[in-house]
Structure formats: structure tokens, C-alpha cells
Amino acid sequence: MGVFDLSAEEREEIENAPEPQVFESDEEVTLRLVGFREAPETGEKVFTNKSGGLYVHPELEIIGVPDAEQYKTFLHYVPIPKGLTDPKKKLQAERSLQRFCKAFGVEIDPESLDDWIGSEAEAILRVERSDQYGDQNGVKRFVD
């Protein structure tokens, strides 16, 4: 008997577990916010991009479709407009944050980002092809 006390059936399921897939459809899907990308050293969830702007990377999972468990979770870039001085970039960040919060029904400036976990939104997805990271889903647009 092994450390994990797995049955022969459980071992076979693990050995034959399929690779995660991307959702390849233009259908509307429900997304659930399950967490945030965190800095490994600090656990910080708010990051600074190369141009000095702040952002968060919520982790989203696809739910409510057949075989939903087979689809990869993915990160979504949400810029935070605080501190942006370029008027165009600031307005784009404001719109992006506004659309995200409206879609998920969450506060724009929560006490904790953890308050957003578990919230759901409807969206149309796209597939982002990458040799470096493999194919991943991304949000094409949120549905009101």
C-alpha cells in the first residue's frame, strides 16, 4: 500500500486523467472568480506594470457548461486607474475596471480583494494562442 492509499481504480483514473482544455466557442459562458495571482515572496495581489500602472489578475473558471471541469482556469488583466497621469490610459483603465465590477456585481474599491472571490459573470471568451504558455482562454467581452 502506498502513502496515498489509492485503490487500483483511483490509480487508473489518475494515469488516464485528460489534459486541461480551452473553451473554443463563441457561446456565452458563466465565469466564477476563484482567486488572484499572488506574488510568491509577499502574497501581494496588486501588481505594478512596466509603465507604473497598477493591476490585478483575477483567476477565473468556466462553470455551467457540460464537462466544465476539463477547462483551464485563466487569468484576466484588470487595470487600476489610481496614479495614471495619461488621460487616455486612465480612461481606459476606468472603463475596464467599471465593466469588470459591473459584470461580477462587485464593489469597485473593496475592503479586500477576497470579497470578490465566488462572484460570477457572463462572458464571451476567446482563445489566446501562445507557444510559450500554451493556448489559454481570455475574455472577449462581458455580457450585461
Protein backbone atom coordinates (compact mmCIF):
# COMPACT_ATOMS: atom_id res chain seq x y z
CA MET A 1 0.00 0.00 0.00
CA GLY A 2 1.31 3.43 -0.94
CA VAL A 3 1.44 6.62 1.05
CA PHE A 4 -1.78 7.87 -0.56
CA ASP A 5 -3.66 4.57 -0.03
CA LEU A 6 -5.03 4.64 -3.61
CA SER A 7 -7.12 1.82 -4.98
CA ALA A 8 -6.30 0.30 -8.38
CA GLU A 9 -9.29 2.18 -9.82
CA GLU A 10 -8.07 5.50 -8.40
CA ARG A 11 -4.57 4.90 -9.80
CA GLU A 12 -6.05 4.19 -13.25
CA GLU A 13 -8.15 7.37 -13.15
CA ILE A 14 -5.04 9.40 -12.31
CA GLU A 15 -2.95 7.75 -15.02
CA ASN A 16 -5.67 8.44 -17.60
CA ALA A 17 -6.61 11.95 -16.47
CA PRO A 18 -7.05 14.18 -19.55
CA GLU A 19 -5.05 17.36 -20.10
CA PRO A 20 -6.96 20.59 -19.38
CA GLN A 21 -8.62 22.18 -22.41
CA VAL A 22 -9.51 25.68 -23.56
CA PHE A 23 -13.13 26.56 -24.27
CA GLU A 24 -13.37 27.00 -28.06
CA SER A 25 -16.79 28.51 -28.62
CA ASP A 26 -18.38 31.91 -29.07
CA GLU A 27 -21.17 30.90 -26.71
CA GLU A 28 -21.92 32.90 -23.60
CA VAL A 29 -20.49 31.20 -20.51
CA THR A 30 -20.60 31.80 -16.79
CA LEU A 31 -17.31 32.60 -15.10
CA ARG A 32 -16.57 32.33 -11.39
CA LEU A 33 -13.80 34.30 -9.76
CA VAL A 34 -11.80 31.74 -7.75
CA GLY A 35 -8.75 33.69 -6.63
CA PHE A 36 -5.97 36.05 -7.62
CA ARG A 37 -2.44 35.73 -8.88
CA GLU A 38 -0.18 36.45 -5.91
CA ALA A 39 3.46 37.46 -5.68
CA PRO A 40 5.31 34.36 -4.45
CA GLU A 41 7.51 36.23 -1.99
CA THR A 42 4.92 38.55 -0.44
CA GLY A 43 1.46 37.23 -1.30
CA GLU A 44 0.66 40.68 -2.70
CA LYS A 45 -2.27 40.68 -5.16
CA VAL A 46 -1.85 44.17 -6.66
CA PHE A 47 1.00 44.48 -9.16
CA THR A 48 2.73 47.36 -10.95
CA ASN A 49 3.21 47.14 -14.72
CA LYS A 50 6.21 48.43 -16.71
CA SER A 51 4.69 51.89 -17.12
CA GLY A 52 3.93 52.25 -13.40
CA GLY A 53 0.22 51.42 -13.54
CA LEU A 54 -1.42 49.13 -11.00
CA TYR A 55 -3.34 45.98 -11.91
CA VAL A 56 -4.80 42.77 -10.52
CA HIS A 57 -5.02 39.35 -12.15
CA PRO A 58 -8.20 37.57 -11.03
CA GLU A 59 -8.27 33.83 -11.73
CA LEU A 60 -11.46 32.77 -13.50
CA GLU A 61 -13.04 29.36 -14.03
CA ILE A 62 -15.71 28.36 -16.52
CA ILE A 63 -18.84 26.91 -14.93
CA GLY A 64 -22.29 25.86 -16.04
CA VAL A 65 -21.29 24.09 -19.26
CA PRO A 66 -21.01 20.35 -19.86
CA ASP A 67 -17.66 18.97 -18.69
CA ALA A 68 -16.73 22.34 -17.12
CA GLU A 69 -14.05 20.67 -15.00
CA GLN A 70 -11.99 19.93 -18.13
CA TYR A 71 -11.41 23.63 -18.92
CA LYS A 72 -8.36 25.51 -17.68
CA THR A 73 -8.75 28.36 -15.25
CA PHE A 74 -7.26 31.56 -16.62
CA LEU A 75 -6.11 35.00 -15.50
CA HIS A 76 -7.79 38.24 -16.56
CA TYR A 77 -5.93 41.57 -16.56
CA VAL A 78 -7.77 44.33 -14.69
CA PRO A 79 -6.00 47.72 -14.64
CA ILE A 80 -6.46 50.04 -11.67
CA PRO A 81 -6.65 53.74 -12.71
CA LYS A 82 -5.10 55.13 -9.50
CA GLY A 83 -1.99 57.17 -10.22
CA LEU A 84 -2.26 57.14 -14.01
CA THR A 85 -1.42 60.54 -15.46
CA ASP A 86 -2.02 59.88 -19.17
CA PRO A 87 -5.71 60.82 -19.68
CA LYS A 88 -6.32 58.17 -22.35
CA LYS A 89 -4.74 55.33 -20.31
CA LYS A 90 -6.59 56.48 -17.21
CA LEU A 91 -9.96 56.48 -19.01
CA GLN A 92 -9.26 53.03 -20.50
CA ALA A 93 -8.40 51.69 -17.03
CA GLU A 94 -11.54 53.27 -15.54
CA ARG A 95 -13.72 51.68 -18.22
CA SER A 96 -12.07 48.29 -17.85
CA LEU A 97 -12.45 48.26 -14.06
CA GLN A 98 -16.03 49.52 -14.35
CA ARG A 99 -17.00 46.77 -16.86
CA PHE A 100 -15.36 44.08 -14.73
CA CYS A 101 -17.02 45.19 -11.49
CA LYS A 102 -20.42 45.62 -13.13
CA ALA A 103 -20.24 42.17 -14.76
CA PHE A 104 -19.27 40.45 -11.49
CA GLY A 105 -21.53 42.61 -9.32
CA VAL A 106 -18.67 43.62 -7.02
CA GLU A 107 -17.58 46.86 -5.35
CA ILE A 108 -15.09 48.97 -7.30
CA ASP A 109 -12.90 49.51 -4.20
CA PRO A 110 -13.43 46.53 -1.86
CA GLU A 111 -12.07 46.29 1.67
CA SER A 112 -10.29 43.12 0.49
CA LEU A 113 -9.93 41.52 -2.92
CA ASP A 114 -11.03 38.31 -1.24
CA ASP A 115 -14.52 39.89 -1.10
CA TRP A 116 -14.69 39.35 -4.88
CA ILE A 117 -13.98 35.59 -4.68
CA GLY A 118 -17.00 33.48 -5.59
CA SER A 119 -18.66 36.18 -7.68
CA GLU A 120 -19.90 35.22 -11.14
CA ALA A 121 -20.29 36.93 -14.51
CA GLU A 122 -21.45 36.11 -18.02
CA ALA A 123 -18.90 36.49 -20.82
CA ILE A 124 -17.94 35.57 -24.36
CA LEU A 125 -14.45 34.07 -24.45
CA ARG A 126 -11.62 33.97 -26.98
CA VAL A 127 -8.66 31.64 -27.33
CA GLU A 128 -5.23 33.21 -26.95
CA ARG A 129 -2.59 31.13 -28.74
CA SER A 130 0.91 31.12 -27.26
CA ASP A 131 3.93 28.90 -27.88
CA GLN A 132 5.36 29.99 -24.54
CA TYR A 133 2.29 29.44 -22.32
CA GLY A 134 0.09 27.20 -24.45
CA ASP A 135 -3.45 28.01 -25.52
CA GLN A 136 -5.48 29.89 -22.91
CA ASN A 137 -8.89 31.46 -22.71
CA GLY A 138 -9.39 35.17 -22.35
CA VAL A 139 -12.45 37.37 -22.04
CA LYS A 140 -13.57 38.76 -25.39
CA ARG A 141 -16.32 40.75 -23.67
CA PHE A 142 -18.57 40.65 -20.66
CA VAL A 143 -22.30 40.25 -21.24
CA ASP A 144 -24.71 42.54 -19.36
